[in-house]
Protein backbone atom coordinates (compact mmCIF):
# COMPACT_ATOMS: atom_id res chain seq x y z
CA ALA A 1 62.91 69.10 -32.52
CA LEU A 2 62.97 68.88 -36.33
CA PHE A 3 60.34 71.32 -37.20
CA SER A 4 58.38 73.85 -34.51
CA GLY A 5 55.67 72.04 -32.67
CA SER A 6 56.52 68.89 -34.51
CA GLU A 7 56.36 67.14 -30.70
CA SER A 8 52.54 67.50 -31.07
CA LEU A 9 51.90 66.07 -34.43
CA PRO A 10 51.18 62.04 -35.81
CA LEU A 11 54.55 59.58 -35.79
CA GLU A 12 53.38 58.55 -39.50
CA LEU A 13 53.31 62.79 -39.81
CA LYS A 14 57.00 63.50 -38.51
CA GLN A 15 58.07 60.64 -40.73
CA LYS A 16 56.67 61.95 -44.07
CA LEU A 17 57.72 65.92 -42.73
CA THR A 18 61.58 64.03 -41.86
CA TYR A 19 61.89 62.09 -44.99
CA ARG A 20 60.93 65.58 -47.08
CA ALA A 21 63.05 67.33 -45.24
CA ARG A 22 66.30 64.84 -46.28
CA GLU A 23 65.17 64.78 -49.67
CA ALA A 24 65.40 68.69 -49.83
CA ASP A 25 68.56 68.39 -47.97
CA LEU A 26 69.71 65.77 -50.60
CA GLY A 27 68.38 67.60 -53.72
CA GLU A 28 70.22 70.92 -52.58
CA ALA A 29 73.38 68.85 -52.29
CA VAL A 30 73.04 66.95 -55.55
CA GLU A 31 72.55 70.42 -57.00
CA GLN A 32 75.52 71.64 -55.72
CA ALA A 33 77.91 68.71 -56.41
CA ALA A 34 76.72 68.95 -60.10
CA ALA A 35 77.64 72.65 -59.99
CA ARG A 36 81.53 72.16 -58.93
CA THR A 37 81.73 68.86 -61.25
CA SER A 38 80.61 71.02 -64.62
CA GLU A 39 83.74 73.54 -63.38
CA VAL A 40 86.44 70.40 -62.01
CA SER A 41 89.79 71.16 -63.19
CA MET A 42 93.35 69.97 -61.58
CA THR A 43 92.70 73.34 -59.81
CA ALA A 44 89.33 72.95 -58.86
CA GLN A 45 88.95 69.27 -57.71
CA THR A 46 85.62 68.06 -56.18
CA ILE A 47 84.76 66.06 -53.14
CA ILE A 48 81.95 64.66 -51.31
CA GLY A 49 82.09 65.00 -47.50
CA ALA A 50 81.20 61.24 -46.14
CA ASP A 51 79.05 62.91 -43.84
CA SER A 52 76.96 64.57 -45.99
CA PRO A 53 73.57 64.22 -47.19
CA LEU A 54 75.38 63.07 -50.86
CA GLY A 55 78.23 61.12 -49.07
CA THR A 56 75.51 59.47 -46.95
CA ALA A 57 73.36 58.55 -49.65
CA LEU A 58 76.32 57.26 -51.89
CA GLY A 59 77.40 55.08 -49.01
CA ASP A 60 73.94 53.36 -48.24
CA GLU A 61 73.21 50.12 -50.32
CA ASN A 62 69.69 50.98 -49.82
CA THR A 63 69.94 54.48 -52.17
CA THR A 64 72.79 53.60 -54.50
CA ALA A 65 73.49 50.75 -56.88
CA TYR A 66 77.39 50.54 -57.95
CA PHE A 67 78.98 49.17 -60.66
CA PHE A 68 82.79 48.56 -61.62
CA GLU A 69 85.40 48.43 -64.53
CA ALA A 70 84.13 46.35 -67.79
CA GLN A 71 80.62 46.31 -66.29
CA PHE A 72 77.26 48.15 -66.60
CA ARG A 73 74.02 48.22 -64.67
CA GLU A 74 70.45 49.72 -65.31
CA LEU A 75 68.36 51.14 -62.85
CA LEU A 76 64.11 51.29 -63.39
CA PRO A 77 62.03 53.84 -61.83
CA GLY A 78 61.32 53.37 -58.28
CA SER A 79 64.39 51.67 -57.26
CA LYS A 80 67.63 53.18 -56.11
CA ARG A 81 68.19 56.67 -56.70
CA PHE A 82 71.62 56.77 -57.40
CA LEU A 83 73.78 54.56 -59.88
CA ALA A 84 77.76 54.96 -59.46
CA THR A 85 81.08 53.74 -60.05
CA ILE A 86 84.68 54.16 -58.95
CA ASN A 87 88.35 54.80 -60.16
CA VAL A 88 87.41 56.35 -63.56
CA TYR A 89 91.19 57.12 -64.55
CA SER A 90 91.80 56.57 -68.45
CA CYS A 91 88.49 54.67 -68.91
CA ILE A 92 85.62 55.88 -69.69
CA ALA A 93 81.73 56.07 -67.80
CA VAL A 94 78.61 56.02 -69.52
CA PHE A 95 75.61 57.15 -67.93
CA ALA A 96 71.82 57.91 -69.50
CA SER A 97 69.07 59.42 -67.82
CA SER A 98 65.46 59.70 -69.01
CA PRO A 99 62.57 62.40 -67.02
CA ASP A 100 60.66 58.86 -65.34
CA GLY A 101 63.71 57.65 -63.51
CA ARG A 102 65.27 55.34 -65.86
CA ALA A 103 69.18 55.36 -65.75
CA PHE A 104 71.92 53.20 -67.11
CA GLY A 105 75.60 53.01 -66.08
CA ALA A 106 78.41 51.75 -68.01
CA HIS A 107 82.44 51.70 -66.74
CA ILE A 108 84.15 50.64 -70.33
CA ASN A 109 87.75 50.37 -70.76
CA LEU A 110 89.93 49.78 -73.95
CA SER A 111 90.77 46.21 -73.69
CA SER A 112 86.88 45.33 -73.11
CA LEU A 113 86.43 47.64 -76.24
CA LEU A 114 89.03 45.76 -78.39
CA SER A 115 87.37 42.78 -77.38
CA SER A 116 84.04 43.24 -78.65
CA LEU A 117 85.61 44.82 -82.31
CA TYR A 118 88.13 41.36 -82.20
CA GLU A 119 85.24 39.43 -81.57
CA ASN A 120 82.68 40.92 -84.22
CA ARG A 121 85.39 40.38 -87.18
CA ARG A 122 86.10 37.13 -85.43
CA ARG A 123 82.47 36.20 -86.17
CA GLY A 124 82.72 37.47 -89.79
CA GLN A 125 79.83 40.21 -88.63
CA GLY A 126 79.62 44.11 -88.36
CA GLY A 127 77.45 43.90 -85.48
CA MET A 128 77.30 46.47 -82.79
CA ILE A 129 79.51 47.72 -80.80
CA LEU A 130 79.96 46.60 -77.36
CA SER A 131 76.87 44.78 -78.75
CA ASN A 132 75.63 43.15 -74.91
CA MET A 133 75.97 46.70 -73.40
CA SER A 134 74.05 48.53 -76.39
CA LYS A 135 71.64 46.33 -76.29
CA ALA A 136 70.67 46.49 -72.77
CA LEU A 137 70.92 50.62 -73.25
CA GLN A 138 68.01 50.16 -75.94
CA ARG A 139 66.51 47.70 -73.73
CA VAL A 140 66.21 49.90 -70.45
CA PHE A 141 65.01 53.10 -73.04
CA ARG A 142 62.89 51.35 -75.73
CA LYS A 143 59.84 52.54 -74.09
CA VAL A 144 61.07 56.50 -73.96
CA ASP A 145 61.02 58.97 -76.25
CA GLN A 146 64.87 58.78 -77.13
CA SER A 147 64.94 62.88 -77.31
CA LYS A 148 64.19 63.04 -73.73
CA VAL A 149 67.10 60.94 -72.93
CA THR A 150 70.44 62.30 -72.07
CA ILE A 151 73.60 60.46 -72.38
CA SER A 152 76.95 61.88 -70.55
CA LEU A 153 80.27 60.85 -70.83
CA VAL A 154 82.74 60.91 -68.28
CA GLY A 155 86.36 60.11 -67.78
CA GLY A 156 89.38 59.24 -70.02
CA HIS A 157 92.89 61.18 -70.46
CA GLU A 158 93.40 63.06 -74.05
CA LYS A 159 96.92 61.68 -73.84
CA MET A 160 95.97 57.91 -73.40
CA ASP A 161 93.05 58.59 -76.08
CA HIS A 162 94.45 57.66 -79.49
CA SER A 163 94.81 53.76 -79.96
CA ILE A 164 97.31 52.11 -82.33
CA ALA A 165 95.11 48.89 -82.52
CA LEU A 166 91.91 51.12 -83.53
CA GLU A 167 94.46 53.13 -85.97
CA THR A 168 96.04 49.80 -87.39
CA LYS A 169 93.22 46.99 -87.04
CA TYR A 170 89.85 48.21 -86.87
CA TYR A 171 89.17 51.96 -88.55
CA THR A 172 92.21 52.65 -90.90
CA LYS A 173 90.77 54.66 -92.64
CA GLU A 174 88.40 56.88 -89.82
CA GLU A 175 90.69 59.13 -88.08
CA ALA A 176 88.46 59.94 -85.38
CA MET A 177 87.87 56.40 -84.63
CA TRP A 178 91.31 55.99 -83.73
CA ARG A 179 90.59 57.81 -80.51
CA PHE A 180 89.10 55.75 -77.81
CA SER A 181 86.58 58.22 -77.07
CA GLY A 182 85.92 58.60 -80.74
CA VAL A 183 84.74 54.70 -80.80
CA VAL A 184 82.50 54.95 -77.45
CA ARG A 185 80.48 58.33 -78.60
CA ARG A 186 79.86 56.34 -81.74
CA CYS A 187 78.93 52.86 -79.62
CA VAL A 188 76.03 55.01 -77.67
CA ALA A 189 74.94 57.30 -80.72
CA GLU A 190 74.04 53.92 -82.59
CA ALA A 191 72.47 52.43 -79.82
CA LEU A 192 70.09 55.70 -79.23
CA PRO A 193 70.35 57.85 -82.20
CA GLY A 194 67.99 60.16 -81.00
CA ALA A 195 69.44 60.94 -77.05
CA SER A 196 71.42 63.66 -76.56
CA ILE A 197 75.16 63.36 -75.48
CA ASP A 198 77.00 65.57 -73.36
CA VAL A 199 81.17 65.42 -73.46
CA SER A 200 82.04 68.22 -71.15
CA LEU A 201 83.41 65.75 -68.78
CA LEU A 202 85.29 63.48 -71.90
CA ASN A 203 89.09 63.73 -71.46
CA ARG A 204 88.85 66.62 -68.96
CA PHE A 205 92.31 65.94 -68.18
CA ASP A 206 95.47 65.84 -70.07
CA GLY A 207 96.53 62.84 -67.87
CA VAL A 208 100.17 61.25 -69.31
CA ASP A 209 101.07 58.36 -71.44
CA VAL A 210 101.31 56.03 -68.72
CA VAL A 211 104.04 53.60 -68.49
CA THR A 212 104.27 53.23 -64.76
CA LEU A 213 102.09 52.78 -61.60
CA GLU A 214 104.08 55.57 -60.25
CA MET A 215 103.09 57.99 -63.22
CA GLU A 216 99.37 56.69 -62.33
CA ALA A 217 99.46 57.12 -58.81
CA GLN A 218 100.92 61.13 -59.27
CA CYS A 219 98.03 61.57 -61.85
CA CYS A 220 95.48 60.62 -59.12
CA TYR A 221 97.44 62.66 -56.59
CA GLN A 222 96.85 65.31 -59.17
CA GLY A 223 93.06 64.90 -59.34
CA GLN A 224 93.02 63.82 -62.83
CA ARG A 225 90.98 60.49 -61.52
CA PHE A 226 87.38 60.52 -61.01
CA GLN A 227 87.22 59.03 -57.85
CA VAL A 228 83.38 58.27 -57.73
CA VAL A 229 80.83 59.68 -60.38
CA ALA A 230 77.42 59.03 -59.64
CA LEU A 231 73.98 59.43 -61.52
CA ASP A 232 71.13 60.85 -59.61
CA SER A 233 68.44 59.20 -61.82
CA HIS A 234 65.98 61.83 -59.99
CA THR A 235 67.60 64.73 -61.80
CA GLY A 236 69.91 63.46 -64.22
CA ASN A 237 72.68 65.36 -62.74
CA VAL A 238 76.19 63.71 -62.54
CA VAL A 239 78.11 64.20 -59.46
CA THR A 240 82.30 63.42 -58.96
CA GLN A 241 84.86 63.41 -56.31
CA THR A 242 88.51 63.93 -58.26
CA LYS A 243 90.04 64.67 -55.13
CA TYR A 244 92.51 62.23 -54.10
CA THR A 245 91.75 61.08 -50.26
CA HIS A 246 92.24 57.21 -50.26
CA ASP A 247 91.92 54.46 -52.39
CA CYS A 248 88.70 53.06 -53.02
CA VAL A 249 89.34 49.64 -53.38
CA HIS A 250 92.37 49.18 -50.43
CA GLY A 251 91.01 51.93 -48.37
CA LYS A 252 94.57 53.80 -48.37
CA VAL A 253 94.29 57.40 -46.57
CA GLY A 254 96.23 59.52 -48.38
CA PRO A 255 96.92 63.42 -47.72
CA VAL A 256 93.12 64.50 -46.72
CA SER A 257 91.96 63.55 -43.34
CA GLU A 258 89.63 60.38 -43.71
CA SER A 259 86.81 62.19 -41.61
CA VAL A 260 85.94 64.62 -44.95
CA VAL A 261 86.45 61.44 -47.74
CA LEU A 262 83.34 59.71 -49.17
CA SER A 263 83.52 56.60 -47.51
CA ALA A 264 81.74 54.45 -50.17
CA GLY A 265 80.85 51.43 -47.64
CA LYS A 266 81.50 48.06 -46.21
CA HIS A 267 78.92 46.83 -49.24
CA VAL A 268 80.71 48.10 -52.09
CA GLN A 269 83.71 46.99 -50.48
CA GLU A 270 82.15 43.39 -50.49
CA MET A 271 81.23 44.13 -53.78
CA ILE A 272 84.90 44.74 -55.19
CA GLY A 273 86.19 41.94 -53.54
CA ARG A 274 83.88 39.43 -55.21
CA VAL A 275 84.17 41.55 -58.70
CA GLY A 276 88.16 41.37 -58.22
CA LYS A 277 88.35 37.97 -57.63
CA GLN A 278 86.31 37.51 -60.64
CA TYR A 279 87.95 40.03 -63.14
CA PRO A 280 91.49 41.14 -61.97
CA ARG A 281 92.29 44.87 -62.80
CA MET A 282 93.84 45.35 -66.29
CA TRP A 283 97.16 46.97 -66.14
CA LEU A 284 99.21 47.82 -69.23
CA GLY A 285 97.27 44.99 -71.08
CA SER A 286 99.06 42.44 -69.45
CA GLN A 287 95.31 41.24 -67.62
CA VAL A 288 92.32 41.24 -70.67
CA HIS A 289 88.98 42.40 -69.39
CA PRO A 290 86.17 40.01 -70.71
CA ILE A 291 83.69 41.71 -72.98
CA MET A 292 81.55 43.92 -70.85
CA THR A 293 79.19 42.21 -68.28
CA GLU A 294 76.25 42.97 -66.64
CA CYS A 295 76.17 44.01 -63.03
CA SER A 296 73.57 42.61 -59.89
CA GLU A 297 74.00 42.31 -56.53
């Protein structure tokens, strides 16, 4: 029995006690994973066990809402607990949360950012950076004191952060904005000027100036990609997996046994398939993502 003497307890009470015990285990797992994430490096990679309380939660469609590259998504209080994305390599993931359980996530690539800037210029208006995403971010937290909102920026690579297009076309006189990360930081700061912005996981890895798929794969093997990033809306903690174990999209098994790898779950694989058909993965600019779109199942 889970609890001493639980055989004699009413079924409803046993169910409540079981739920509370599971939530306590999950809360502890989140705290431990967040602590590991805060220290993440190439020599201190993070991993989430498939059968762990956290791994189970992230693979459960009733508990976790996923969004993917060039998408954003919101969670309102009382809905799912986790908001997550996968395969954050040179892209930047944005996670925002407030103590009442509201949460917002976006997976931004440079292509979508440049598309947004191009559209603003073409229409002859300054406009907000990534305006539809920024407006959605404002909408989610419109009833919340912005000083209670925390925004976490995760991902990016130092060696791929500088953009010739940003330097020569859009921000010729603002050196800080020649960097992909600099524009994303301004974007969220303008959307929610009162929020605190955590950049401790931004450009955490140097990466390489990628020119081949093999070079990107090598970075992934080295743990320079956030294979999974998730926000716990109950606590505001961000948890990650950087240990390369398998490809979340294609299910290819890497050097670590599949029995200890986070399995994103069948519903995630199905969603990836749908998204992949609509928005083929960008590689070296050969395919351009549309401006950020809202993810809904």
